[in-house]
Amino acid sequence: MLTLLCVVLMTGFTQIRSRNIMAFELSAGKESAQSFRPASVANNFNKTFEGTLDNRIRIRVNLIRKGNDLSGSYFYEKYKKNIALSGDINENGYFEMEERDDKNQITGAFHGAFISDEAIVGFWNKDDLFGSILPFQLIESGKQAVALITDRNRPVKIECEVKNNNGSLTILLIGDLIVGLGYQNVGGNAHTCSMYVDRREKGVVWQDRDQMTKITFTKEYFNDDQSAEVSIKKSQQGYDITFTGYLTYFCGVRSILPPKVTVYKSGKIWIGKS
């Protein structure tokens, strides 16, 4: 039996795979169980946003949207050096933007969604997905921040280490909605399983119903006749995650994804078993 120890990080204001700050005073009130949904925003705009990475690193972001294209730049307030951003936003309102250095090398990425015309939440990660993943929150410059970002749309990261399996599990949420899932496992002779998926990925269908999130990897994703599925069922204690189908796609010869992982909270610590 494999045991996972998990820690959850929630941000409040008072660091992939390529393909596939201003301290704002925000409402801390509890909201209903209604799941987060991205806001519908203008198809064309040029705006500046301010906020934080990890609720401590102040950044300023300029974004330009032209249809599905989303680009711009950002800088850390401490250094004032612009970093180029380019990406897109899909029909469901989720976006990805890669950041590049002066040599045009990818150094990180932003994934997230607009919660209104004036506010954005999500996650930033370095080029190594299973390295640093930091939640971010941004408010349009000059706008009032109070009550825009609340428990219903706050980015949350759950990280789990598989102690007996050299593995790790990452669940990314906006409010109570799962928006990203990653699992990495090192098997025999250092063969590795490495799977990451978010709601912007092409060839992947997300379905949310009755406390269940179902992620289907279609033939388009694998570019052949195979398919796979990950089901994440929310319980009173945490989450039950099952992996089925063509998941060897993500793994080396001597590594496998577990058929099921159960994650539950004990005090302030998340614990999981497989």
C-alpha atoms as a PDB file:
ATOM      1  CA  MET A   1       0.000   0.000   0.000  1.00  0.00           C
ATOM      2  CA  LEU A   2       1.324   3.384  -0.959  1.00  0.00           C
ATOM      3  CA  THR A   3       0.946   6.347   1.336  1.00  0.00           C
ATOM      4  CA  LEU A   4       0.916   9.970   0.217  1.00  0.00           C
ATOM      5  CA  LEU A   5       1.434  13.003   2.423  1.00  0.00           C
ATOM      6  CA  CYS A   6      -0.204  16.081   0.968  1.00  0.00           C
ATOM      7  CA  VAL A   7      -0.088  19.737   1.749  1.00  0.00           C
ATOM      8  CA  VAL A   8      -2.599  22.305   0.537  1.00  0.00           C
ATOM      9  CA  LEU A   9      -1.759  25.926  -0.166  1.00  0.00           C
ATOM     10  CA  MET A  10      -4.451  28.587  -0.369  1.00  0.00           C
ATOM     11  CA  THR A  11      -3.665  32.135  -1.347  1.00  0.00           C
ATOM     12  CA  GLY A  12      -5.204  35.324   0.029  1.00  0.00           C
ATOM     13  CA  PHE A  13      -4.214  39.015  -0.119  1.00  0.00           C
ATOM     14  CA  THR A  14      -4.428  41.090   3.824  1.00  0.00           C
ATOM     15  CA  GLN A  15       6.176  28.052 -10.423  1.00  0.00           C
ATOM     16  CA  ILE A  16       5.114  22.046 -17.870  1.00  0.00           C
ATOM     17  CA  ARG A  17       4.704  20.825 -20.580  1.00  0.00           C
ATOM     18  CA  SER A  18       4.383  23.433 -23.292  1.00  0.00           C
ATOM     19  CA  ARG A  19       1.780  21.841 -25.399  1.00  0.00           C
ATOM     20  CA  ASN A  20      -0.391  19.771 -24.127  1.00  0.00           C
ATOM     21  CA  ILE A  21       1.971  43.191  -5.694  1.00  0.00           C
ATOM     22  CA  MET A  22       0.151  44.826  -4.344  1.00  0.00           C
ATOM     23  CA  ALA A  23      -1.435  43.428  -1.141  1.00  0.00           C
ATOM     24  CA  PHE A  24      -5.142  43.630  -1.900  1.00  0.00           C
ATOM     25  CA  GLU A  25      -7.694  43.479   0.870  1.00  0.00           C
ATOM     26  CA  LEU A  26     -10.157  40.774  -0.133  1.00  0.00           C
ATOM     27  CA  SER A  27     -13.323  39.269   1.239  1.00  0.00           C
ATOM     28  CA  ALA A  28     -12.715  36.236   3.444  1.00  0.00           C
ATOM     29  CA  GLY A  29     -16.368  35.281   3.732  1.00  0.00           C
ATOM     30  CA  LYS A  30     -17.569  31.761   2.988  1.00  0.00           C
ATOM     31  CA  GLU A  31     -19.581  31.271  -0.165  1.00  0.00           C
ATOM     32  CA  SER A  32     -22.003  28.686  -1.478  1.00  0.00           C
ATOM     33  CA  ALA A  33     -20.915  25.314  -2.859  1.00  0.00           C
ATOM     34  CA  GLN A  34     -21.532  26.466  -6.425  1.00  0.00           C
ATOM     35  CA  SER A  35     -18.505  25.632  -8.583  1.00  0.00           C
ATOM     36  CA  PHE A  36     -16.353  28.283 -10.178  1.00  0.00           C
ATOM     37  CA  ARG A  37     -16.908  29.063 -13.842  1.00  0.00           C
ATOM     38  CA  PRO A  38     -14.775  31.410 -15.971  1.00  0.00           C
ATOM     39  CA  ALA A  39     -16.282  34.748 -16.886  1.00  0.00           C
ATOM     40  CA  SER A  40     -17.046  35.719 -20.460  1.00  0.00           C
ATOM     41  CA  VAL A  41     -14.776  38.660 -21.301  1.00  0.00           C
ATOM     42  CA  ALA A  42     -14.259  40.943 -24.304  1.00  0.00           C
ATOM     43  CA  ASN A  43     -12.666  39.373 -27.401  1.00  0.00           C
ATOM     44  CA  ASN A  44     -10.322  42.324 -27.839  1.00  0.00           C
ATOM     45  CA  PHE A  45      -8.611  44.370 -25.143  1.00  0.00           C
ATOM     46  CA  ASN A  46      -5.300  45.826 -23.948  1.00  0.00           C
ATOM     47  CA  LYS A  47      -5.131  45.980 -20.143  1.00  0.00           C
ATOM     48  CA  THR A  48      -2.672  46.158 -17.258  1.00  0.00           C
ATOM     49  CA  PHE A  49      -3.111  44.013 -14.157  1.00  0.00           C
ATOM     50  CA  GLU A  50      -1.366  44.015 -10.775  1.00  0.00           C
ATOM     51  CA  GLY A  51      -1.119  41.270  -8.187  1.00  0.00           C
ATOM     52  CA  THR A  52       0.995  38.554  -6.647  1.00  0.00           C
ATOM     53  CA  LEU A  53       2.590  35.187  -7.188  1.00  0.00           C
ATOM     54  CA  ASP A  54       2.285  33.030  -4.086  1.00  0.00           C
ATOM     55  CA  ASN A  55       0.703  35.945  -2.200  1.00  0.00           C
ATOM     56  CA  ARG A  56       4.123  37.543  -1.722  1.00  0.00           C
ATOM     57  CA  ILE A  57       5.874  38.278  -5.036  1.00  0.00           C
ATOM     58  CA  ARG A  58       4.496  41.458  -6.585  1.00  0.00           C
ATOM     59  CA  ILE A  59       4.083  41.490 -10.382  1.00  0.00           C
ATOM     60  CA  ARG A  60       2.586  43.751 -13.049  1.00  0.00           C
ATOM     61  CA  VAL A  61       1.134  42.186 -16.220  1.00  0.00           C
ATOM     62  CA  ASN A  62       0.114  43.764 -19.532  1.00  0.00           C
ATOM     63  CA  LEU A  63      -2.259  41.582 -21.576  1.00  0.00           C
ATOM     64  CA  ILE A  64      -3.486  41.981 -25.145  1.00  0.00           C
ATOM     65  CA  ARG A  65      -6.328  39.811 -26.412  1.00  0.00           C
ATOM     66  CA  LYS A  66      -7.192  39.486 -30.102  1.00  0.00           C
ATOM     67  CA  GLY A  67      -9.784  36.740 -30.497  1.00  0.00           C
ATOM     68  CA  ASN A  68      -8.259  33.522 -29.145  1.00  0.00           C
ATOM     69  CA  ASP A  69      -4.732  34.982 -28.995  1.00  0.00           C
ATOM     70  CA  LEU A  70      -3.553  36.194 -25.599  1.00  0.00           C
ATOM     71  CA  SER A  71      -0.132  37.827 -25.313  1.00  0.00           C
ATOM     72  CA  GLY A  72       1.772  40.598 -23.600  1.00  0.00           C
ATOM     73  CA  SER A  73       4.486  40.849 -20.972  1.00  0.00           C
ATOM     74  CA  TYR A  74       5.016  41.028 -17.244  1.00  0.00           C
ATOM     75  CA  PHE A  75       7.679  42.053 -14.773  1.00  0.00           C
ATOM     76  CA  TYR A  76       8.517  41.565 -11.147  1.00  0.00           C
ATOM     77  CA  GLU A  77       8.101  44.841  -9.293  1.00  0.00           C
ATOM     78  CA  LYS A  78      11.475  44.262  -7.651  1.00  0.00           C
ATOM     79  CA  TYR A  79      13.384  44.031 -10.964  1.00  0.00           C
ATOM     80  CA  LYS A  80      11.313  45.974 -13.541  1.00  0.00           C
ATOM     81  CA  LYS A  81      12.493  43.778 -16.448  1.00  0.00           C
ATOM     82  CA  ASN A  82       9.837  42.815 -19.004  1.00  0.00           C
ATOM     83  CA  ILE A  83       9.317  39.109 -19.751  1.00  0.00           C
ATOM     84  CA  ALA A  84       7.443  38.269 -22.965  1.00  0.00           C
ATOM     85  CA  LEU A  85       4.186  36.265 -22.818  1.00  0.00           C
ATOM     86  CA  SER A  86       2.343  34.505 -25.636  1.00  0.00           C
ATOM     87  CA  GLY A  87      -0.485  31.979 -25.736  1.00  0.00           C
ATOM     88  CA  ASP A  88      -4.201  31.580 -26.250  1.00  0.00           C
ATOM     89  CA  ILE A  89      -7.538  31.331 -24.528  1.00  0.00           C
ATOM     90  CA  ASN A  90      -9.993  28.547 -25.390  1.00  0.00           C
ATOM     91  CA  GLU A  91     -13.742  28.580 -25.944  1.00  0.00           C
ATOM     92  CA  ASN A  92     -14.374  27.676 -22.294  1.00  0.00           C
ATOM     93  CA  GLY A  93     -12.443  30.647 -20.958  1.00  0.00           C
ATOM     94  CA  TYR A  94      -9.227  28.940 -19.836  1.00  0.00           C
ATOM     95  CA  PHE A  95      -5.874  30.254 -21.015  1.00  0.00           C
ATOM     96  CA  GLU A  96      -2.199  29.355 -21.181  1.00  0.00           C
ATOM     97  CA  MET A  97       0.653  31.775 -21.840  1.00  0.00           C
ATOM     98  CA  GLU A  98       4.294  30.769 -22.101  1.00  0.00           C
ATOM     99  CA  GLU A  99       6.986  33.126 -20.933  1.00  0.00           C
ATOM    100  CA  ARG A 100      10.300  33.398 -22.828  1.00  0.00           C
ATOM    101  CA  ASP A 101      13.695  34.868 -22.059  1.00  0.00           C
ATOM    102  CA  ASP A 102      15.936  37.040 -24.268  1.00  0.00           C
ATOM    103  CA  LYS A 103      17.091  33.886 -26.139  1.00  0.00           C
ATOM    104  CA  ASN A 104      13.472  32.904 -26.860  1.00  0.00           C
ATOM    105  CA  GLN A 105      13.707  29.939 -24.477  1.00  0.00           C
ATOM    106  CA  ILE A 106      10.586  28.946 -22.519  1.00  0.00           C
ATOM    107  CA  THR A 107      11.160  29.705 -18.858  1.00  0.00           C
ATOM    108  CA  GLY A 108       7.679  29.234 -17.448  1.00  0.00           C
ATOM    109  CA  ALA A 109       3.943  29.503 -18.070  1.00  0.00           C
ATOM    110  CA  PHE A 110       0.734  31.005 -16.723  1.00  0.00           C
ATOM    111  CA  HIS A 111      -2.474  28.910 -16.669  1.00  0.00           C
ATOM    112  CA  GLY A 112      -5.752  30.293 -15.459  1.00  0.00           C
ATOM    113  CA  ALA A 113      -9.062  31.971 -16.120  1.00  0.00           C
ATOM    114  CA  PHE A 114     -10.770  35.344 -15.925  1.00  0.00           C
ATOM    115  CA  ILE A 115     -13.220  35.618 -13.046  1.00  0.00           C
ATOM    116  CA  SER A 116     -14.412  38.959 -14.437  1.00  0.00           C
ATOM    117  CA  ASP A 117     -13.207  41.613 -16.885  1.00  0.00           C
ATOM    118  CA  GLU A 118     -11.168  43.009 -14.010  1.00  0.00           C
ATOM    119  CA  ALA A 119      -9.725  39.939 -12.259  1.00  0.00           C
ATOM    120  CA  ILE A 120      -7.693  36.830 -13.177  1.00  0.00           C
ATOM    121  CA  VAL A 121      -6.658  33.803 -11.097  1.00  0.00           C
ATOM    122  CA  GLY A 122      -4.608  30.704 -11.798  1.00  0.00           C
ATOM    123  CA  PHE A 123      -1.154  29.163 -11.521  1.00  0.00           C
ATOM    124  CA  TRP A 124       2.347  29.944 -12.695  1.00  0.00           C
ATOM    125  CA  ASN A 125       4.975  27.240 -13.114  1.00  0.00           C
ATOM    126  CA  LYS A 126       8.611  27.115 -14.129  1.00  0.00           C
ATOM    127  CA  ASP A 127       9.712  25.094 -17.145  1.00  0.00           C
ATOM    128  CA  ASP A 128       9.793  22.022 -14.885  1.00  0.00           C
ATOM    129  CA  LEU A 129       6.119  21.311 -14.187  1.00  0.00           C
ATOM    130  CA  PHE A 130       6.798  19.227 -11.120  1.00  0.00           C
ATOM    131  CA  GLY A 131       9.087  21.862  -9.681  1.00  0.00           C
ATOM    132  CA  SER A 132       7.619  25.188  -8.602  1.00  0.00           C
ATOM    133  CA  ILE A 133       3.900  25.841  -9.068  1.00  0.00           C
ATOM    134  CA  LEU A 134       2.694  29.118  -7.585  1.00  0.00           C
ATOM    135  CA  PRO A 135      -0.879  30.443  -7.462  1.00  0.00           C
ATOM    136  CA  PHE A 136      -1.420  33.955  -8.796  1.00  0.00           C
ATOM    137  CA  GLN A 137      -4.148  36.574  -8.428  1.00  0.00           C
ATOM    138  CA  LEU A 138      -4.395  39.700 -10.573  1.00  0.00           C
ATOM    139  CA  ILE A 139      -6.656  42.762 -10.511  1.00  0.00           C
ATOM    140  CA  GLU A 140      -6.888  45.324 -13.303  1.00  0.00           C
ATOM    141  CA  SER A 141      -4.879  48.422 -12.398  1.00  0.00           C
ATOM    142  CA  GLY A 142      -6.951  51.140 -10.817  1.00  0.00           C
ATOM    143  CA  LYS A 143      -9.894  48.858 -10.019  1.00  0.00           C
ATOM    144  CA  GLN A 144     -11.339  48.151  -6.602  1.00  0.00           C
ATOM    145  CA  ALA A 145     -10.267  44.701  -5.377  1.00  0.00           C
ATOM    146  CA  VAL A 146     -12.653  44.136  -2.501  1.00  0.00           C
ATOM    147  CA  ALA A 147     -14.902  41.067  -2.963  1.00  0.00           C
ATOM    148  CA  LEU A 148     -13.625  40.224  -6.468  1.00  0.00           C
ATOM    149  CA  ILE A 149     -11.549  37.272  -5.268  1.00  0.00           C
ATOM    150  CA  THR A 150     -13.231  35.113  -2.637  1.00  0.00           C
ATOM    151  CA  ASP A 151     -13.232  31.483  -1.477  1.00  0.00           C
ATOM    152  CA  ARG A 152     -15.356  30.520  -4.497  1.00  0.00           C
ATOM    153  CA  ASN A 153     -12.696  31.526  -7.010  1.00  0.00           C
ATOM    154  CA  ARG A 154      -9.441  31.490  -5.071  1.00  0.00           C
ATOM    155  CA  PRO A 155      -6.606  29.335  -6.545  1.00  0.00           C
ATOM    156  CA  VAL A 156      -5.722  26.318  -4.398  1.00  0.00           C
ATOM    157  CA  LYS A 157      -2.831  23.859  -4.789  1.00  0.00           C
ATOM    158  CA  ILE A 158      -2.706  20.383  -3.209  1.00  0.00           C
ATOM    159  CA  GLU A 159       0.657  18.635  -3.439  1.00  0.00           C
ATOM    160  CA  CYS A 160       1.216  15.015  -2.441  1.00  0.00           C
ATOM    161  CA  GLU A 161       4.342  12.899  -2.219  1.00  0.00           C
ATOM    162  CA  VAL A 162       4.114   9.143  -2.670  1.00  0.00           C
ATOM    163  CA  LYS A 163       6.591   8.147   0.008  1.00  0.00           C
ATOM    164  CA  ASN A 164       6.953   4.492  -0.959  1.00  0.00           C
ATOM    165  CA  ASN A 165       6.743   5.003  -4.691  1.00  0.00           C
ATOM    166  CA  ASN A 166       9.027   7.938  -5.544  1.00  0.00           C
ATOM    167  CA  GLY A 167       5.930   9.668  -6.880  1.00  0.00           C
ATOM    168  CA  SER A 168       3.992  12.900  -6.508  1.00  0.00           C
ATOM    169  CA  LEU A 169       0.427  14.056  -7.074  1.00  0.00           C
ATOM    170  CA  THR A 170      -0.674  17.629  -7.758  1.00  0.00           C
ATOM    171  CA  ILE A 171      -4.264  18.867  -7.805  1.00  0.00           C
ATOM    172  CA  LEU A 172      -4.959  22.449  -8.890  1.00  0.00           C
ATOM    173  CA  LEU A 173      -8.295  24.068  -8.089  1.00  0.00           C
ATOM    174  CA  ILE A 174     -10.022  27.387  -8.540  1.00  0.00           C
ATOM    175  CA  GLY A 175     -12.441  27.459  -5.655  1.00  0.00           C
ATOM    176  CA  ASP A 176     -13.801  23.898  -5.539  1.00  0.00           C
ATOM    177  CA  LEU A 177     -13.378  23.290  -9.293  1.00  0.00           C
ATOM    178  CA  ILE A 178     -10.454  21.064 -10.334  1.00  0.00           C
ATOM    179  CA  VAL A 179      -8.628  22.787 -13.187  1.00  0.00           C
ATOM    180  CA  GLY A 180      -5.391  20.769 -13.330  1.00  0.00           C
ATOM    181  CA  LEU A 181      -4.055  17.350 -12.347  1.00  0.00           C
ATOM    182  CA  GLY A 182      -0.513  16.011 -12.364  1.00  0.00           C
ATOM    183  CA  TYR A 183       0.990  12.672 -11.375  1.00  0.00           C
ATOM    184  CA  GLN A 184       4.619  11.624 -11.547  1.00  0.00           C
ATOM    185  CA  ASN A 185       6.081   8.276 -10.556  1.00  0.00           C
ATOM    186  CA  VAL A 186       9.571   6.800 -10.863  1.00  0.00           C
ATOM    187  CA  GLY A 187       9.583   3.015 -11.353  1.00  0.00           C
ATOM    188  CA  GLY A 188      12.254   0.396 -12.030  1.00  0.00           C
ATOM    189  CA  ASN A 189      15.522   1.489 -13.649  1.00  0.00           C
ATOM    190  CA  ALA A 190      14.362   5.102 -13.269  1.00  0.00           C
ATOM    191  CA  HIS A 191      11.544   4.669 -15.826  1.00  0.00           C
ATOM    192  CA  THR A 192       9.088   7.492 -15.194  1.00  0.00           C
ATOM    193  CA  CYS A 193       5.356   8.138 -15.437  1.00  0.00           C
ATOM    194  CA  SER A 194       4.716  11.812 -15.983  1.00  0.00           C
ATOM    195  CA  MET A 195       1.166  13.004 -16.613  1.00  0.00           C
ATOM    196  CA  TYR A 196      -0.195  16.535 -16.469  1.00  0.00           C
ATOM    197  CA  VAL A 197      -3.468  17.881 -17.821  1.00  0.00           C
ATOM    198  CA  ASP A 198      -5.409  21.112 -17.431  1.00  0.00           C
ATOM    199  CA  ARG A 199      -8.638  22.509 -18.842  1.00  0.00           C
ATOM    200  CA  ARG A 200      -6.933  24.235 -21.757  1.00  0.00           C
ATOM    201  CA  GLU A 201      -5.403  21.020 -23.188  1.00  0.00           C
ATOM    202  CA  LYS A 202      -6.606  20.039 -26.653  1.00  0.00           C
ATOM    203  CA  GLY A 203      -8.054  16.559 -27.171  1.00  0.00           C
ATOM    204  CA  VAL A 204      -9.180  16.322 -23.546  1.00  0.00           C
ATOM    205  CA  VAL A 205     -12.819  16.434 -22.409  1.00  0.00           C
ATOM    206  CA  TRP A 206     -13.696  17.571 -18.877  1.00  0.00           C
ATOM    207  CA  GLN A 207     -17.074  16.713 -17.344  1.00  0.00           C
ATOM    208  CA  ASP A 208     -18.279  17.905 -13.935  1.00  0.00           C
ATOM    209  CA  ARG A 209     -21.348  16.357 -12.350  1.00  0.00           C
ATOM    210  CA  ASP A 210     -22.517  15.368  -8.849  1.00  0.00           C
ATOM    211  CA  GLN A 211     -19.185  15.902  -7.067  1.00  0.00           C
ATOM    212  CA  MET A 212     -17.383  14.021  -9.865  1.00  0.00           C
ATOM    213  CA  THR A 213     -14.849  15.367 -12.356  1.00  0.00           C
ATOM    214  CA  LYS A 214     -14.153  13.074 -15.302  1.00  0.00           C
ATOM    215  CA  ILE A 215     -11.154  13.726 -17.558  1.00  0.00           C
ATOM    216  CA  THR A 216     -11.216  11.859 -20.892  1.00  0.00           C
ATOM    217  CA  PHE A 217      -8.134  11.709 -23.109  1.00  0.00           C
ATOM    218  CA  THR A 218      -9.543  11.244 -26.607  1.00  0.00           C
ATOM    219  CA  LYS A 219      -8.119   9.756 -29.812  1.00  0.00           C
ATOM    220  CA  GLU A 220      -7.218  13.284 -30.850  1.00  0.00           C
ATOM    221  CA  TYR A 221      -4.954  13.612 -27.810  1.00  0.00           C
ATOM    222  CA  PHE A 222      -3.120  10.323 -28.450  1.00  0.00           C
ATOM    223  CA  ASN A 223      -3.283  10.658 -32.238  1.00  0.00           C
ATOM    224  CA  ASP A 224      -4.347   7.006 -32.546  1.00  0.00           C
ATOM    225  CA  ASP A 225      -7.301   4.773 -31.582  1.00  0.00           C
ATOM    226  CA  GLN A 226      -6.545   4.740 -27.854  1.00  0.00           C
ATOM    227  CA  SER A 227      -8.311   6.589 -25.049  1.00  0.00           C
ATOM    228  CA  ALA A 228      -7.932   6.958 -21.297  1.00  0.00           C
ATOM    229  CA  GLU A 229      -9.861   8.365 -18.381  1.00  0.00           C
ATOM    230  CA  VAL A 230      -9.200   9.825 -14.959  1.00  0.00           C
ATOM    231  CA  SER A 231     -12.132  10.146 -12.548  1.00  0.00           C
ATOM    232  CA  ILE A 232     -11.914  12.358  -9.479  1.00  0.00           C
ATOM    233  CA  LYS A 233     -14.759  11.950  -7.013  1.00  0.00           C
ATOM    234  CA  LYS A 234     -15.084  14.414  -4.177  1.00  0.00           C
ATOM    235  CA  SER A 235     -16.045  12.946  -0.784  1.00  0.00           C
ATOM    236  CA  GLN A 236     -16.552  14.446   2.656  1.00  0.00           C
ATOM    237  CA  GLN A 237     -12.966  13.535   3.505  1.00  0.00           C
ATOM    238  CA  GLY A 238     -11.228  14.419   0.238  1.00  0.00           C
ATOM    239  CA  TYR A 239     -10.897  12.832  -3.215  1.00  0.00           C
ATOM    240  CA  ASP A 240     -10.965   9.367  -4.795  1.00  0.00           C
ATOM    241  CA  ILE A 241      -8.958   9.292  -8.041  1.00  0.00           C
ATOM    242  CA  THR A 242      -9.058   6.391 -10.513  1.00  0.00           C
ATOM    243  CA  PHE A 243      -6.911   5.899 -13.633  1.00  0.00           C
ATOM    244  CA  THR A 244      -8.127   3.687 -16.514  1.00  0.00           C
ATOM    245  CA  GLY A 245      -7.339   3.075 -20.187  1.00  0.00           C
ATOM    246  CA  TYR A 246      -4.254   3.861 -22.235  1.00  0.00           C
ATOM    247  CA  LEU A 247      -2.258   5.425 -19.412  1.00  0.00           C
ATOM    248  CA  THR A 248       0.952   3.592 -20.330  1.00  0.00           C
ATOM    249  CA  TYR A 249       1.262   6.439 -22.853  1.00  0.00           C
ATOM    250  CA  PHE A 250       2.594   8.564 -19.996  1.00  0.00           C
ATOM    251  CA  CYS A 251       4.975   5.927 -18.600  1.00  0.00           C
ATOM    252  CA  GLY A 252       8.267   4.176 -19.188  1.00  0.00           C
ATOM    253  CA  VAL A 253       8.496   0.388 -19.515  1.00  0.00           C
ATOM    254  CA  ARG A 254       8.924  -0.280 -15.792  1.00  0.00           C
ATOM    255  CA  SER A 255       6.611   2.352 -14.351  1.00  0.00           C
ATOM    256  CA  ILE A 256       2.814   2.515 -14.040  1.00  0.00           C
ATOM    257  CA  LEU A 257       0.169   4.884 -12.781  1.00  0.00           C
ATOM    258  CA  PRO A 258      -1.739   3.450  -9.798  1.00  0.00           C
ATOM    259  CA  PRO A 259      -5.313   2.303 -10.536  1.00  0.00           C
ATOM    260  CA  LYS A 260      -6.663   4.321  -7.610  1.00  0.00           C
ATOM    261  CA  VAL A 261      -5.531   6.970  -5.145  1.00  0.00           C
ATOM    262  CA  THR A 262      -7.591   8.116  -2.164  1.00  0.00           C
ATOM    263  CA  VAL A 263      -6.719  11.492  -0.679  1.00  0.00           C
ATOM    264  CA  TYR A 264      -8.190  12.693   2.609  1.00  0.00           C
ATOM    265  CA  LYS A 265      -7.468  15.366   5.173  1.00  0.00           C
ATOM    266  CA  SER A 266      -6.324  14.653   8.705  1.00  0.00           C
ATOM    267  CA  GLY A 267      -6.081  17.868  10.695  1.00  0.00           C
ATOM    268  CA  LYS A 268      -4.042  20.253   8.580  1.00  0.00           C
ATOM    269  CA  ILE A 269      -2.337  17.455   6.638  1.00  0.00           C
ATOM    270  CA  TRP A 270      -3.612  15.729   3.500  1.00  0.00           C
ATOM    271  CA  ILE A 271      -2.938  11.975   3.413  1.00  0.00           C
ATOM    272  CA  GLY A 272      -3.409   9.604   0.514  1.00  0.00           C
ATOM    273  CA  LYS A 273      -3.322   5.858  -0.113  1.00  0.00           C
ATOM    274  CA  SER A 274      -2.990   3.845  -3.276  1.00  0.00           C
END
